[in-house]
PDB file of all heavy atoms in Angstrom:
ATOM      1  N   ILE A   1     -96.547-148.780 -68.766  1.00  0.00           N
ATOM      2  CA  ILE A   1     -97.381-149.961 -68.977  1.00  0.00           C
ATOM      3  C   ILE A   1     -98.540-149.863 -67.990  1.00  0.00           C
ATOM      4  O   ILE A   1     -98.310-149.700 -66.795  1.00  0.00           O
ATOM      5  CB  ILE A   1     -96.613-151.265 -68.705  1.00  0.00           C
ATOM      6  CG1 ILE A   1     -95.374-151.371 -69.550  1.00  0.00           C
ATOM      7  CG2 ILE A   1     -97.516-152.469 -68.913  1.00  0.00           C
ATOM      8  CD1 ILE A   1     -94.515-152.561 -69.197  1.00  0.00           C
ATOM      9  N   TYR A   2     -99.752-149.954 -68.498  1.00  0.00           N
ATOM     10  CA  TYR A   2    -100.901-149.928 -67.602  1.00  0.00           C
ATOM     11  C   TYR A   2    -102.041-150.736 -68.207  1.00  0.00           C
ATOM     12  O   TYR A   2    -102.125-150.842 -69.421  1.00  0.00           O
ATOM     13  CB  TYR A   2    -101.328-148.481 -67.308  1.00  0.00           C
ATOM     14  CG  TYR A   2    -101.677-147.671 -68.523  1.00  0.00           C
ATOM     15  CD1 TYR A   2    -102.993-147.631 -69.003  1.00  0.00           C
ATOM     16  CD2 TYR A   2    -100.704-146.950 -69.212  1.00  0.00           C
ATOM     17  CE1 TYR A   2    -103.318-146.896 -70.123  1.00  0.00           C
ATOM     18  CE2 TYR A   2    -101.015-146.204 -70.337  1.00  0.00           C
ATOM     19  CZ  TYR A   2    -102.330-146.182 -70.785  1.00  0.00           C
ATOM     20  OH  TYR A   2    -102.654-145.452 -71.897  1.00  0.00           O
ATOM     21  N   PRO A   3    -102.882-151.360 -67.383  1.00  0.00           N
ATOM     22  CA  PRO A   3    -102.678-151.503 -65.939  1.00  0.00           C
ATOM     23  C   PRO A   3    -101.533-152.479 -65.661  1.00  0.00           C
ATOM     24  O   PRO A   3    -101.220-153.325 -66.492  1.00  0.00           O
ATOM     25  CB  PRO A   3    -104.004-152.079 -65.459  1.00  0.00           C
ATOM     26  CG  PRO A   3    -104.541-152.845 -66.637  1.00  0.00           C
ATOM     27  CD  PRO A   3    -104.074-152.076 -67.849  1.00  0.00           C
ATOM     28  N   ASN A   4    -100.950-152.350 -64.530  1.00  0.00           N
ATOM     29  CA  ASN A   4     -99.861-153.236 -64.123  1.00  0.00           C
ATOM     30  C   ASN A   4     -99.972-153.416 -62.621  1.00  0.00           C
ATOM     31  O   ASN A   4     -99.631-152.491 -61.897  1.00  0.00           O
ATOM     32  CB  ASN A   4     -98.512-152.648 -64.505  1.00  0.00           C
ATOM     33  CG  ASN A   4     -97.382-153.654 -64.431  1.00  0.00           C
ATOM     34  OD1 ASN A   4     -97.619-154.825 -64.165  1.00  0.00           O
ATOM     35  ND2 ASN A   4     -96.172-153.199 -64.657  1.00  0.00           N
ATOM     36  N   PRO A   5    -100.485-154.533 -62.148  1.00  0.00           N
ATOM     37  CA  PRO A   5    -100.738-155.818 -62.773  1.00  0.00           C
ATOM     38  C   PRO A   5    -101.855-155.755 -63.820  1.00  0.00           C
ATOM     39  O   PRO A   5    -102.779-154.968 -63.730  1.00  0.00           O
ATOM     40  CB  PRO A   5    -101.144-156.725 -61.622  1.00  0.00           C
ATOM     41  CG  PRO A   5    -100.745-156.012 -60.366  1.00  0.00           C
ATOM     42  CD  PRO A   5    -100.701-154.576 -60.684  1.00  0.00           C
ATOM     43  N   ALA A   6    -101.740-156.643 -64.812  1.00  0.00           N
ATOM     44  CA  ALA A   6    -102.677-156.699 -65.927  1.00  0.00           C
ATOM     45  C   ALA A   6    -103.359-158.060 -65.953  1.00  0.00           C
ATOM     46  O   ALA A   6    -102.911-159.000 -65.303  1.00  0.00           O
ATOM     47  CB  ALA A   6    -101.941-156.456 -67.241  1.00  0.00           C
ATOM     48  N   LYS A   7    -104.444-158.147 -66.754  1.00  0.00           N
ATOM     49  CA  LYS A   7    -105.139-159.427 -66.926  1.00  0.00           C
ATOM     50  C   LYS A   7    -105.161-159.810 -68.400  1.00  0.00           C
ATOM     51  O   LYS A   7    -104.332-160.584 -68.838  1.00  0.00           O
ATOM     52  CB  LYS A   7    -106.543-159.362 -66.353  1.00  0.00           C
ATOM     53  CG  LYS A   7    -106.545-159.255 -64.845  1.00  0.00           C
ATOM     54  CD  LYS A   7    -107.921-159.361 -64.272  1.00  0.00           C
ATOM     55  CE  LYS A   7    -107.811-159.176 -62.766  1.00  0.00           C
ATOM     56  NZ  LYS A   7    -108.853-159.762 -62.031  1.00  0.00           N
ATOM     57  N   ASN A   8    -106.088-159.261 -69.161  1.00  0.00           N
ATOM     58  CA  ASN A   8    -106.255-159.652 -70.558  1.00  0.00           C
ATOM     59  C   ASN A   8    -105.680-158.660 -71.551  1.00  0.00           C
ATOM     60  O   ASN A   8    -105.485-159.003 -72.710  1.00  0.00           O
ATOM     61  CB  ASN A   8    -107.745-159.864 -70.865  1.00  0.00           C
ATOM     62  CG  ASN A   8    -108.361-160.922 -69.982  1.00  0.00           C
ATOM     63  OD1 ASN A   8    -107.716-161.919 -69.681  1.00  0.00           O
ATOM     64  ND2 ASN A   8    -109.582-160.717 -69.546  1.00  0.00           N
ATOM     65  N   GLN A   9    -105.490-157.424 -71.123  1.00  0.00           N
ATOM     66  CA  GLN A   9    -104.982-156.387 -72.008  1.00  0.00           C
ATOM     67  C   GLN A   9    -103.981-155.532 -71.264  1.00  0.00           C
ATOM     68  O   GLN A   9    -104.030-155.395 -70.045  1.00  0.00           O
ATOM     69  CB  GLN A   9    -106.112-155.453 -72.472  1.00  0.00           C
ATOM     70  CG  GLN A   9    -106.846-155.884 -73.672  1.00  0.00           C
ATOM     71  CD  GLN A   9    -107.794-154.774 -74.152  1.00  0.00           C
ATOM     72  OE1 GLN A   9    -108.158-153.891 -73.411  1.00  0.00           O
ATOM     73  NE2 GLN A   9    -108.169-154.856 -75.408  1.00  0.00           N
ATOM     74  N   VAL A  10    -103.086-154.925 -72.030  1.00  0.00           N
ATOM     75  CA  VAL A  10    -102.146-153.981 -71.465  1.00  0.00           C
ATOM     76  C   VAL A  10    -101.936-152.873 -72.486  1.00  0.00           C
ATOM     77  O   VAL A  10    -101.965-153.112 -73.703  1.00  0.00           O
ATOM     78  CB  VAL A  10    -100.812-154.673 -71.075  1.00  0.00           C
ATOM     79  CG1 VAL A  10    -100.060-155.161 -72.277  1.00  0.00           C
ATOM     80  CG2 VAL A  10     -99.951-153.771 -70.233  1.00  0.00           C
ATOM     81  N   SER A  11    -101.771-151.656 -72.005  1.00  0.00           N
ATOM     82  CA  SER A  11    -101.467-150.526 -72.877  1.00  0.00           C
ATOM     83  C   SER A  11    -100.038-150.100 -72.638  1.00  0.00           C
ATOM     84  O   SER A  11     -99.568-150.041 -71.494  1.00  0.00           O
ATOM     85  CB  SER A  11    -102.412-149.357 -72.597  1.00  0.00           C
ATOM     86  OG  SER A  11    -103.729-149.688 -72.977  1.00  0.00           O
ATOM     87  N   ILE A  12     -99.340-149.819 -73.726  1.00  0.00           N
ATOM     88  CA  ILE A  12     -97.957-149.367 -73.667  1.00  0.00           C
ATOM     89  C   ILE A  12     -97.933-147.942 -74.186  1.00  0.00           C
ATOM     90  O   ILE A  12     -98.418-147.674 -75.280  1.00  0.00           O
ATOM     91  CB  ILE A  12     -97.037-150.277 -74.498  1.00  0.00           C
ATOM     92  CG1 ILE A  12     -97.077-151.696 -73.936  1.00  0.00           C
ATOM     93  CG2 ILE A  12     -95.624-149.724 -74.538  1.00  0.00           C
ATOM     94  CD1 ILE A  12     -96.388-152.724 -74.782  1.00  0.00           C
ATOM     95  N   GLU A  13     -97.369-147.040 -73.393  1.00  0.00           N
ATOM     96  CA  GLU A  13     -97.333-145.639 -73.773  1.00  0.00           C
ATOM     97  C   GLU A  13     -95.890-145.191 -73.947  1.00  0.00           C
ATOM     98  O   GLU A  13     -95.086-145.273 -73.036  1.00  0.00           O
ATOM     99  CB  GLU A  13     -98.011-144.768 -72.717  1.00  0.00           C
ATOM    100  CG  GLU A  13     -98.078-143.316 -73.114  1.00  0.00           C
ATOM    101  CD  GLU A  13     -98.834-142.483 -72.117  1.00  0.00           C
ATOM    102  OE1 GLU A  13     -99.702-143.032 -71.418  1.00  0.00           O
ATOM    103  OE2 GLU A  13     -98.558-141.291 -72.039  1.00  0.00           O
ATOM    104  N   SER A  14     -95.589-144.745 -75.159  1.00  0.00           N
ATOM    105  CA  SER A  14     -94.263-144.247 -75.482  1.00  0.00           C
ATOM    106  C   SER A  14     -94.424-142.915 -76.201  1.00  0.00           C
ATOM    107  O   SER A  14     -94.560-142.873 -77.414  1.00  0.00           O
ATOM    108  CB  SER A  14     -93.522-145.236 -76.380  1.00  0.00           C
ATOM    109  OG  SER A  14     -92.364-144.617 -76.900  1.00  0.00           O
ATOM    110  N   ALA A  15     -94.425-141.855 -75.447  1.00  0.00           N
ATOM    111  CA  ALA A  15     -94.643-140.534 -76.035  1.00  0.00           C
ATOM    112  C   ALA A  15     -93.352-139.917 -76.548  1.00  0.00           C
ATOM    113  O   ALA A  15     -93.382-138.991 -77.345  1.00  0.00           O
ATOM    114  CB  ALA A  15     -95.290-139.614 -75.004  1.00  0.00           C
ATOM    115  N   GLN A  16     -92.200-140.421 -76.116  1.00  0.00           N
ATOM    116  CA  GLN A  16     -90.929-139.771 -76.433  1.00  0.00           C
ATOM    117  C   GLN A  16     -90.263-140.274 -77.703  1.00  0.00           C
ATOM    118  O   GLN A  16     -89.576-139.523 -78.371  1.00  0.00           O
ATOM    119  CB  GLN A  16     -89.950-139.949 -75.268  1.00  0.00           C
ATOM    120  CG  GLN A  16     -90.396-139.245 -74.005  1.00  0.00           C
ATOM    121  CD  GLN A  16     -89.437-139.517 -72.879  1.00  0.00           C
ATOM    122  OE1 GLN A  16     -89.024-140.647 -72.672  1.00  0.00           O
ATOM    123  NE2 GLN A  16     -89.071-138.473 -72.157  1.00  0.00           N
ATOM    124  N   ALA A  17     -90.420-141.559 -78.015  1.00  0.00           N
ATOM    125  CA  ALA A  17     -89.676-142.126 -79.142  1.00  0.00           C
ATOM    126  C   ALA A  17     -90.516-143.183 -79.850  1.00  0.00           C
ATOM    127  O   ALA A  17     -91.385-143.804 -79.243  1.00  0.00           O
ATOM    128  CB  ALA A  17     -88.365-142.743 -78.663  1.00  0.00           C
ATOM    129  N   GLY A  18     -90.236-143.378 -81.133  1.00  0.00           N
ATOM    130  CA  GLY A  18     -90.965-144.357 -81.922  1.00  0.00           C
ATOM    131  C   GLY A  18     -90.595-145.777 -81.562  1.00  0.00           C
ATOM    132  O   GLY A  18     -89.442-146.094 -81.328  1.00  0.00           O
ATOM    133  N   VAL A  19     -91.597-146.639 -81.526  1.00  0.00           N
ATOM    134  CA  VAL A  19     -91.422-148.056 -81.233  1.00  0.00           C
ATOM    135  C   VAL A  19     -91.565-148.827 -82.536  1.00  0.00           C
ATOM    136  O   VAL A  19     -92.421-148.519 -83.362  1.00  0.00           O
ATOM    137  CB  VAL A  19     -92.488-148.530 -80.222  1.00  0.00           C
ATOM    138  CG1 VAL A  19     -92.420-150.038 -80.019  1.00  0.00           C
ATOM    139  CG2 VAL A  19     -92.340-147.792 -78.909  1.00  0.00           C
ATOM    140  N   ASP A  20     -90.719-149.839 -82.734  1.00  0.00           N
ATOM    141  CA  ASP A  20     -90.807-150.718 -83.899  1.00  0.00           C
ATOM    142  C   ASP A  20     -91.224-152.129 -83.527  1.00  0.00           C
ATOM    143  O   ASP A  20     -91.793-152.841 -84.338  1.00  0.00           O
ATOM    144  CB  ASP A  20     -89.471-150.776 -84.644  1.00  0.00           C
ATOM    145  CG  ASP A  20     -89.124-149.467 -85.311  1.00  0.00           C
ATOM    146  OD1 ASP A  20     -90.044-148.763 -85.770  1.00  0.00           O
ATOM    147  OD2 ASP A  20     -87.930-149.134 -85.371  1.00  0.00           O
ATOM    148  N   ASN A  21     -90.885-152.571 -82.299  1.00  0.00           N
ATOM    149  CA  ASN A  21     -91.174-153.943 -81.907  1.00  0.00           C
ATOM    150  C   ASN A  21     -91.471-154.001 -80.418  1.00  0.00           C
ATOM    151  O   ASN A  21     -90.830-153.307 -79.631  1.00  0.00           O
ATOM    152  CB  ASN A  21     -89.988-154.853 -82.243  1.00  0.00           C
ATOM    153  CG  ASN A  21     -90.253-156.306 -81.885  1.00  0.00           C
ATOM    154  OD1 ASN A  21     -89.971-156.726 -80.772  1.00  0.00           O
ATOM    155  ND2 ASN A  21     -90.812-157.062 -82.806  1.00  0.00           N
ATOM    156  N   ILE A  22     -92.437-154.851 -80.056  1.00  0.00           N
ATOM    157  CA  ILE A  22     -92.781-155.113 -78.660  1.00  0.00           C
ATOM    158  C   ILE A  22     -92.457-156.576 -78.391  1.00  0.00           C
ATOM    159  O   ILE A  22     -92.893-157.451 -79.138  1.00  0.00           O
ATOM    160  CB  ILE A  22     -94.281-154.890 -78.399  1.00  0.00           C
ATOM    161  CG1 ILE A  22     -94.699-153.477 -78.768  1.00  0.00           C
ATOM    162  CG2 ILE A  22     -94.631-155.223 -76.949  1.00  0.00           C
ATOM    163  CD1 ILE A  22     -96.214-153.286 -78.831  1.00  0.00           C
ATOM    164  N   LYS A  23     -91.688-156.838 -77.334  1.00  0.00           N
ATOM    165  CA  LYS A  23     -91.399-158.214 -76.917  1.00  0.00           C
ATOM    166  C   LYS A  23     -91.733-158.342 -75.445  1.00  0.00           C
ATOM    167  O   LYS A  23     -91.448-157.451 -74.658  1.00  0.00           O
ATOM    168  CB  LYS A  23     -89.922-158.543 -77.113  1.00  0.00           C
ATOM    169  CG  LYS A  23     -89.558-158.953 -78.498  1.00  0.00           C
ATOM    170  CD  LYS A  23     -88.168-159.572 -78.519  1.00  0.00           C
ATOM    171  CE  LYS A  23     -87.854-160.104 -79.876  1.00  0.00           C
ATOM    172  NZ  LYS A  23     -87.347-159.175 -80.813  1.00  0.00           N
ATOM    173  N   ILE A  24     -92.335-159.474 -75.092  1.00  0.00           N
ATOM    174  CA  ILE A  24     -92.550-159.815 -73.693  1.00  0.00           C
ATOM    175  C   ILE A  24     -91.786-161.108 -73.437  1.00  0.00           C
ATOM    176  O   ILE A  24     -91.924-162.082 -74.183  1.00  0.00           O
ATOM    177  CB  ILE A  24     -94.049-159.972 -73.368  1.00  0.00           C
ATOM    178  CG1 ILE A  24     -94.787-158.658 -73.667  1.00  0.00           C
ATOM    179  CG2 ILE A  24     -94.225-160.376 -71.900  1.00  0.00           C
ATOM    180  CD1 ILE A  24     -96.292-158.712 -73.444  1.00  0.00           C
ATOM    181  N   VAL A  25     -90.970-161.083 -72.387  1.00  0.00           N
ATOM    182  CA  VAL A  25     -90.056-162.180 -72.080  1.00  0.00           C
ATOM    183  C   VAL A  25     -90.378-162.707 -70.690  1.00  0.00           C
ATOM    184  O   VAL A  25     -90.601-161.922 -69.761  1.00  0.00           O
ATOM    185  CB  VAL A  25     -88.589-161.678 -72.134  1.00  0.00           C
ATOM    186  CG1 VAL A  25     -87.614-162.786 -71.817  1.00  0.00           C
ATOM    187  CG2 VAL A  25     -88.288-161.056 -73.488  1.00  0.00           C
ATOM    188  N   ASP A  26     -90.402-164.042 -70.543  1.00  0.00           N
ATOM    189  CA  ASP A  26     -90.663-164.611 -69.216  1.00  0.00           C
ATOM    190  C   ASP A  26     -89.376-164.647 -68.397  1.00  0.00           C
ATOM    191  O   ASP A  26     -88.305-164.244 -68.869  1.00  0.00           O
ATOM    192  CB  ASP A  26     -91.332-165.980 -69.316  1.00  0.00           C
ATOM    193  CG  ASP A  26     -90.437-167.078 -69.885  1.00  0.00           C
ATOM    194  OD1 ASP A  26     -89.216-166.881 -70.019  1.00  0.00           O
ATOM    195  OD2 ASP A  26     -90.981-168.159 -70.204  1.00  0.00           O
ATOM    196  N   LEU A  27     -89.469-165.122 -67.166  1.00  0.00           N
ATOM    197  CA  LEU A  27     -88.312-165.116 -66.267  1.00  0.00           C
ATOM    198  C   LEU A  27     -87.207-166.081 -66.697  1.00  0.00           C
ATOM    199  O   LEU A  27     -86.081-165.976 -66.231  1.00  0.00           O
ATOM    200  CB  LEU A  27     -88.749-165.429 -64.832  1.00  0.00           C
ATOM    201  CG  LEU A  27     -89.587-164.335 -64.156  1.00  0.00           C
ATOM    202  CD1 LEU A  27     -90.036-164.788 -62.775  1.00  0.00           C
ATOM    203  CD2 LEU A  27     -88.795-163.040 -64.061  1.00  0.00           C
ATOM    204  N   GLN A  28     -87.515-167.016 -67.594  1.00  0.00           N
ATOM    205  CA  GLN A  28     -86.487-167.922 -68.119  1.00  0.00           C
ATOM    206  C   GLN A  28     -85.824-167.347 -69.374  1.00  0.00           C
ATOM    207  O   GLN A  28     -84.985-167.995 -69.981  1.00  0.00           O
ATOM    208  CB  GLN A  28     -87.088-169.297 -68.435  1.00  0.00           C
ATOM    209  CG  GLN A  28     -87.359-170.144 -67.207  1.00  0.00           C
ATOM    210  CD  GLN A  28     -88.582-169.681 -66.438  1.00  0.00           C
ATOM    211  OE1 GLN A  28     -89.607-169.360 -67.022  1.00  0.00           O
ATOM    212  NE2 GLN A  28     -88.472-169.634 -65.123  1.00  0.00           N
ATOM    213  N   GLY A  29     -86.221-166.150 -69.765  1.00  0.00           N
ATOM    214  CA  GLY A  29     -85.628-165.517 -70.939  1.00  0.00           C
ATOM    215  C   GLY A  29     -86.283-165.897 -72.251  1.00  0.00           C
ATOM    216  O   GLY A  29     -85.796-165.540 -73.314  1.00  0.00           O
TER     217      GLY A  29
END
């Protein structure tokens, strides 16, 4: 994940395996 810390955008890099869903969860779950 970059940049991390992020502001308005974030890039997710997964070169090894296919992704089907992205979820972001807060500290309360």
